[in-house]
Amino acid sequence: MRIIAGQWGGRRLKTPRGRGVRPTLDRVREAWMSALSPRLGGARVLDLFAGSGALGLEALSRGAEHVTFVEKAGEALRVLAENVATLGADASVQVVRGDALRYVARLQPHAFDIALADPPYEQGLAARLVTAFLENPFAGELWVEHRTSEPMPDAPGMRQRRYGDTTLTAVAAPPPT
């Protein structure tokens, strides 16, 4: 896996080992970041179910100001720390070891500009995350990768982009009051 564009474009990233590991495909990540590109400059980004950190590191490479990574698996956290160190991104990141859904439940509305999530498939986590976002919009917008066949809750202004059996769902928060 590699960083696709920006200051670290072309740099290789390590990925965690294991049967449950399913990194976002380069073509999906490229389309995802291209869609977000106009809003990444100076953004505060939240990368949930961070794994290797590829999504958040790609956002940093393309101009995000800061990324908070949330991951609970020990092997993924080890690889994430190596990737951050390899890129010299330590000053621009915070790594939180913990459950992503519990983490977002404690956030204030609009705590982040953009939230990215690539939860494990087949566990209903993507839908639960969208529901949590609708109850407490912890970012200006939430983007979730999930299996196309996974039902998502209805949300005003929801946008979806399909890439084979993978779908990216984006939900914008209502403006802060």
C-alpha atoms as a PDB file:
ATOM      1  CA  MET A   1       0.000   0.000   0.000  1.00  0.00           C
ATOM      2  CA  ARG A   2       1.221   3.501  -0.737  1.00  0.00           C
ATOM      3  CA  ILE A   3       0.347   7.163  -0.250  1.00  0.00           C
ATOM      4  CA  ILE A   4      -1.231   8.214  -3.536  1.00  0.00           C
ATOM      5  CA  ALA A   5      -0.733  11.997  -3.683  1.00  0.00           C
ATOM      6  CA  GLY A   6       0.500  15.042  -1.837  1.00  0.00           C
ATOM      7  CA  GLN A   7       3.737  15.624   0.026  1.00  0.00           C
ATOM      8  CA  TRP A   8       4.288  11.895   0.648  1.00  0.00           C
ATOM      9  CA  GLY A   9       2.923  10.670  -2.690  1.00  0.00           C
ATOM     10  CA  GLY A  10       4.433   7.318  -3.642  1.00  0.00           C
ATOM     11  CA  ARG A  11       5.711   6.496  -0.133  1.00  0.00           C
ATOM     12  CA  ARG A  12       4.983   2.920   0.927  1.00  0.00           C
ATOM     13  CA  LEU A  13       3.014   2.071   4.066  1.00  0.00           C
ATOM     14  CA  LYS A  14       3.088  -1.103   6.112  1.00  0.00           C
ATOM     15  CA  THR A  15      -0.155  -2.968   6.705  1.00  0.00           C
ATOM     16  CA  PRO A  16      -1.159  -5.125   9.668  1.00  0.00           C
ATOM     17  CA  ARG A  17      -1.115  -8.876   9.184  1.00  0.00           C
ATOM     18  CA  GLY A  18      -4.076 -11.096   9.808  1.00  0.00           C
ATOM     19  CA  ARG A  19      -7.139 -12.655   8.284  1.00  0.00           C
ATOM     20  CA  GLY A  20      -9.431  -9.790   9.281  1.00  0.00           C
ATOM     21  CA  VAL A  21      -7.298  -7.127   7.597  1.00  0.00           C
ATOM     22  CA  ARG A  22      -8.923  -5.513   4.565  1.00  0.00           C
ATOM     23  CA  PRO A  23      -7.098  -2.343   3.522  1.00  0.00           C
ATOM     24  CA  THR A  24      -8.980   0.155   1.381  1.00  0.00           C
ATOM     25  CA  LEU A  25      -8.056  -0.445  -2.252  1.00  0.00           C
ATOM     26  CA  ASP A  26      -5.838   2.242  -3.808  1.00  0.00           C
ATOM     27  CA  ARG A  27      -8.475   3.088  -6.454  1.00  0.00           C
ATOM     28  CA  VAL A  28     -11.166   3.554  -3.791  1.00  0.00           C
ATOM     29  CA  ARG A  29      -8.849   5.596  -1.549  1.00  0.00           C
ATOM     30  CA  GLU A  30      -7.809   7.729  -4.526  1.00  0.00           C
ATOM     31  CA  ALA A  31     -11.437   8.448  -5.467  1.00  0.00           C
ATOM     32  CA  TRP A  32     -12.293   9.109  -1.809  1.00  0.00           C
ATOM     33  CA  MET A  33      -9.477  11.588  -1.282  1.00  0.00           C
ATOM     34  CA  SER A  34     -10.082  13.272  -4.629  1.00  0.00           C
ATOM     35  CA  ALA A  35     -13.689  13.907  -3.580  1.00  0.00           C
ATOM     36  CA  LEU A  36     -12.463  15.379  -0.279  1.00  0.00           C
ATOM     37  CA  SER A  37      -9.459  17.227  -1.679  1.00  0.00           C
ATOM     38  CA  PRO A  38     -11.008  20.728  -1.788  1.00  0.00           C
ATOM     39  CA  ARG A  39     -11.828  20.489   1.940  1.00  0.00           C
ATOM     40  CA  LEU A  40      -8.633  18.872   3.264  1.00  0.00           C
ATOM     41  CA  GLY A  41      -6.443  21.987   3.462  1.00  0.00           C
ATOM     42  CA  GLY A  42      -6.051  22.832   7.160  1.00  0.00           C
ATOM     43  CA  ALA A  43      -8.724  20.308   8.194  1.00  0.00           C
ATOM     44  CA  ARG A  44      -8.964  18.503  11.529  1.00  0.00           C
ATOM     45  CA  VAL A  45      -9.554  14.876  10.519  1.00  0.00           C
ATOM     46  CA  LEU A  46     -10.741  11.895  12.534  1.00  0.00           C
ATOM     47  CA  ASP A  47      -9.737   8.444  11.216  1.00  0.00           C
ATOM     48  CA  LEU A  48     -11.899   5.787  12.894  1.00  0.00           C
ATOM     49  CA  PHE A  49     -11.080   2.070  12.752  1.00  0.00           C
ATOM     50  CA  ALA A  50      -7.721   3.434  11.569  1.00  0.00           C
ATOM     51  CA  GLY A  51      -5.823   0.202  10.908  1.00  0.00           C
ATOM     52  CA  SER A  52      -2.527   1.146   9.229  1.00  0.00           C
ATOM     53  CA  GLY A  53      -3.560   4.810   9.174  1.00  0.00           C
ATOM     54  CA  ALA A  54      -3.609   4.953   5.374  1.00  0.00           C
ATOM     55  CA  LEU A  55      -6.728   7.144   5.167  1.00  0.00           C
ATOM     56  CA  GLY A  56      -5.609   9.699   7.723  1.00  0.00           C
ATOM     57  CA  LEU A  57      -2.028   9.759   6.441  1.00  0.00           C
ATOM     58  CA  GLU A  58      -3.324  10.309   2.911  1.00  0.00           C
ATOM     59  CA  ALA A  59      -5.388  13.231   4.254  1.00  0.00           C
ATOM     60  CA  LEU A  60      -2.279  14.672   5.961  1.00  0.00           C
ATOM     61  CA  SER A  61      -0.262  14.229   2.779  1.00  0.00           C
ATOM     62  CA  ARG A  62      -2.909  16.246   0.942  1.00  0.00           C
ATOM     63  CA  GLY A  63      -2.960  19.157   3.382  1.00  0.00           C
ATOM     64  CA  ALA A  64      -4.945  18.245   6.497  1.00  0.00           C
ATOM     65  CA  GLU A  65      -3.620  20.042   9.562  1.00  0.00           C
ATOM     66  CA  HIS A  66      -4.119  17.277  12.136  1.00  0.00           C
ATOM     67  CA  VAL A  67      -5.405  13.715  12.249  1.00  0.00           C
ATOM     68  CA  THR A  68      -6.661  11.792  15.264  1.00  0.00           C
ATOM     69  CA  PHE A  69      -6.494   8.034  14.701  1.00  0.00           C
ATOM     70  CA  VAL A  70      -8.724   5.690  16.715  1.00  0.00           C
ATOM     71  CA  GLU A  71      -7.894   1.963  16.667  1.00  0.00           C
ATOM     72  CA  LYS A  72      -8.157  -0.819  19.213  1.00  0.00           C
ATOM     73  CA  ALA A  73      -6.173  -3.718  17.697  1.00  0.00           C
ATOM     74  CA  GLY A  74      -2.637  -3.987  19.040  1.00  0.00           C
ATOM     75  CA  GLU A  75      -1.019  -5.129  15.769  1.00  0.00           C
ATOM     76  CA  ALA A  76      -2.710  -2.314  13.835  1.00  0.00           C
ATOM     77  CA  LEU A  77      -1.566   0.241  16.430  1.00  0.00           C
ATOM     78  CA  ARG A  78       2.022  -1.014  16.123  1.00  0.00           C
ATOM     79  CA  VAL A  79       1.928  -0.685  12.322  1.00  0.00           C
ATOM     80  CA  LEU A  80       0.208   2.708  12.547  1.00  0.00           C
ATOM     81  CA  ALA A  81       2.974   3.998  14.846  1.00  0.00           C
ATOM     82  CA  GLU A  82       5.616   2.743  12.391  1.00  0.00           C
ATOM     83  CA  ASN A  83       3.890   4.449   9.458  1.00  0.00           C
ATOM     84  CA  VAL A  84       3.581   7.737  11.335  1.00  0.00           C
ATOM     85  CA  ALA A  85       7.273   7.581  12.316  1.00  0.00           C
ATOM     86  CA  THR A  86       8.399   6.641   8.788  1.00  0.00           C
ATOM     87  CA  LEU A  87       6.641   9.717   7.373  1.00  0.00           C
ATOM     88  CA  GLY A  88       7.793  11.989  10.207  1.00  0.00           C
ATOM     89  CA  ALA A  89       4.185  12.914  10.939  1.00  0.00           C
ATOM     90  CA  ASP A  90       4.356  12.668  14.743  1.00  0.00           C
ATOM     91  CA  ALA A  91       3.646  16.364  15.340  1.00  0.00           C
ATOM     92  CA  SER A  92       0.462  16.272  13.266  1.00  0.00           C
ATOM     93  CA  VAL A  93      -1.221  13.215  14.756  1.00  0.00           C
ATOM     94  CA  GLN A  94      -2.787  11.840  17.884  1.00  0.00           C
ATOM     95  CA  VAL A  95      -3.251   8.087  18.241  1.00  0.00           C
ATOM     96  CA  VAL A  96      -6.038   6.883  20.513  1.00  0.00           C
ATOM     97  CA  ARG A  97      -6.240   3.231  21.519  1.00  0.00           C
ATOM     98  CA  GLY A  98      -9.895   2.432  21.938  1.00  0.00           C
ATOM     99  CA  ASP A  99     -13.273   1.550  20.518  1.00  0.00           C
ATOM    100  CA  ALA A 100     -14.334   3.950  17.765  1.00  0.00           C
ATOM    101  CA  LEU A 101     -18.031   4.010  18.679  1.00  0.00           C
ATOM    102  CA  ARG A 102     -17.291   4.720  22.334  1.00  0.00           C
ATOM    103  CA  TYR A 103     -14.841   7.431  21.317  1.00  0.00           C
ATOM    104  CA  VAL A 104     -17.328   9.309  19.120  1.00  0.00           C
ATOM    105  CA  ALA A 105     -20.018   9.063  21.806  1.00  0.00           C
ATOM    106  CA  ARG A 106     -17.873  11.341  24.003  1.00  0.00           C
ATOM    107  CA  LEU A 107     -17.184  14.002  21.362  1.00  0.00           C
ATOM    108  CA  GLN A 108     -18.753  17.437  21.197  1.00  0.00           C
ATOM    109  CA  PRO A 109     -20.681  18.321  18.030  1.00  0.00           C
ATOM    110  CA  HIS A 110     -18.352  19.483  15.207  1.00  0.00           C
ATOM    111  CA  ALA A 111     -15.210  18.440  17.112  1.00  0.00           C
ATOM    112  CA  PHE A 112     -13.631  17.588  13.732  1.00  0.00           C
ATOM    113  CA  ASP A 113     -14.002  18.922  10.211  1.00  0.00           C
ATOM    114  CA  ILE A 114     -13.984  15.510   8.527  1.00  0.00           C
ATOM    115  CA  ALA A 115     -14.397  11.986   9.900  1.00  0.00           C
ATOM    116  CA  LEU A 116     -13.278   8.958   7.879  1.00  0.00           C
ATOM    117  CA  ALA A 117     -14.132   5.386   8.785  1.00  0.00           C
ATOM    118  CA  ASP A 118     -13.363   1.964   7.368  1.00  0.00           C
ATOM    119  CA  PRO A 119     -14.916  -0.392   9.928  1.00  0.00           C
ATOM    120  CA  PRO A 120     -14.727  -4.181   9.618  1.00  0.00           C
ATOM    121  CA  TYR A 121     -17.348  -5.527   7.244  1.00  0.00           C
ATOM    122  CA  GLU A 122     -20.238  -7.797   8.235  1.00  0.00           C
ATOM    123  CA  GLN A 123     -20.570  -6.461  11.783  1.00  0.00           C
ATOM    124  CA  GLY A 124     -23.054  -3.636  11.269  1.00  0.00           C
ATOM    125  CA  LEU A 125     -20.481  -1.090  12.454  1.00  0.00           C
ATOM    126  CA  ALA A 126     -20.866   1.258   9.471  1.00  0.00           C
ATOM    127  CA  ALA A 127     -24.607   1.637  10.054  1.00  0.00           C
ATOM    128  CA  ARG A 128     -24.098   2.057  13.801  1.00  0.00           C
ATOM    129  CA  LEU A 129     -21.527   4.775  13.142  1.00  0.00           C
ATOM    130  CA  VAL A 130     -23.864   6.675  10.803  1.00  0.00           C
ATOM    131  CA  THR A 131     -26.620   6.434  13.431  1.00  0.00           C
ATOM    132  CA  ALA A 132     -24.231   7.783  16.087  1.00  0.00           C
ATOM    133  CA  PHE A 133     -23.324  10.642  13.741  1.00  0.00           C
ATOM    134  CA  LEU A 134     -26.970  11.507  13.126  1.00  0.00           C
ATOM    135  CA  GLU A 135     -27.530  11.666  16.899  1.00  0.00           C
ATOM    136  CA  ASN A 136     -24.344  13.683  17.545  1.00  0.00           C
ATOM    137  CA  PRO A 137     -22.674  15.163  14.438  1.00  0.00           C
ATOM    138  CA  PHE A 138     -19.104  14.962  15.783  1.00  0.00           C
ATOM    139  CA  ALA A 139     -17.657  16.269  12.486  1.00  0.00           C
ATOM    140  CA  GLY A 140     -18.697  18.520   9.636  1.00  0.00           C
ATOM    141  CA  GLU A 141     -19.021  15.432   7.492  1.00  0.00           C
ATOM    142  CA  LEU A 142     -18.669  11.693   7.920  1.00  0.00           C
ATOM    143  CA  TRP A 143     -17.404   9.351   5.199  1.00  0.00           C
ATOM    144  CA  VAL A 144     -17.774   5.601   5.759  1.00  0.00           C
ATOM    145  CA  GLU A 145     -16.555   2.708   3.639  1.00  0.00           C
ATOM    146  CA  HIS A 146     -18.774  -0.368   3.775  1.00  0.00           C
ATOM    147  CA  ARG A 147     -19.941  -3.353   1.787  1.00  0.00           C
ATOM    148  CA  THR A 148     -22.475  -2.249  -0.820  1.00  0.00           C
ATOM    149  CA  SER A 149     -25.017  -4.775   0.455  1.00  0.00           C
ATOM    150  CA  GLU A 150     -24.947  -3.365   4.014  1.00  0.00           C
ATOM    151  CA  PRO A 151     -28.094  -1.323   4.672  1.00  0.00           C
ATOM    152  CA  MET A 152     -27.502   2.200   5.912  1.00  0.00           C
ATOM    153  CA  PRO A 153     -29.893   4.376   7.915  1.00  0.00           C
ATOM    154  CA  ASP A 154     -31.644   7.165   6.032  1.00  0.00           C
ATOM    155  CA  ALA A 155     -29.936  10.500   6.427  1.00  0.00           C
ATOM    156  CA  PRO A 156     -30.757  13.888   4.906  1.00  0.00           C
ATOM    157  CA  GLY A 157     -28.369  14.691   2.072  1.00  0.00           C
ATOM    158  CA  MET A 158     -26.647  11.287   2.176  1.00  0.00           C
ATOM    159  CA  ARG A 159     -24.408  10.695  -0.841  1.00  0.00           C
ATOM    160  CA  GLN A 160     -23.052   7.344  -1.954  1.00  0.00           C
ATOM    161  CA  ARG A 161     -20.358   6.286  -4.417  1.00  0.00           C
ATOM    162  CA  ARG A 162     -20.179   2.660  -5.414  1.00  0.00           C
ATOM    163  CA  TYR A 163     -16.998   0.790  -6.390  1.00  0.00           C
ATOM    164  CA  GLY A 164     -18.009  -2.816  -7.029  1.00  0.00           C
ATOM    165  CA  ASP A 165     -18.926  -4.391  -3.701  1.00  0.00           C
ATOM    166  CA  THR A 166     -17.567  -1.369  -1.807  1.00  0.00           C
ATOM    167  CA  THR A 167     -19.563   1.813  -1.203  1.00  0.00           C
ATOM    168  CA  LEU A 168     -18.495   5.129   0.270  1.00  0.00           C
ATOM    169  CA  THR A 169     -21.313   6.833   2.150  1.00  0.00           C
ATOM    170  CA  ALA A 170     -21.013  10.534   3.006  1.00  0.00           C
ATOM    171  CA  VAL A 171     -23.245  12.361   5.450  1.00  0.00           C
ATOM    172  CA  ALA A 172     -22.964  16.088   6.147  1.00  0.00           C
ATOM    173  CA  ALA A 173     -23.751  17.481   9.572  1.00  0.00           C
ATOM    174  CA  PRO A 174     -26.256  20.270   9.916  1.00  0.00           C
ATOM    175  CA  PRO A 175     -24.480  23.620  10.434  1.00  0.00           C
ATOM    176  CA  PRO A 176     -23.540  24.388  14.049  1.00  0.00           C
ATOM    177  CA  THR A 177     -26.069  26.521  15.909  1.00  0.00           C
END
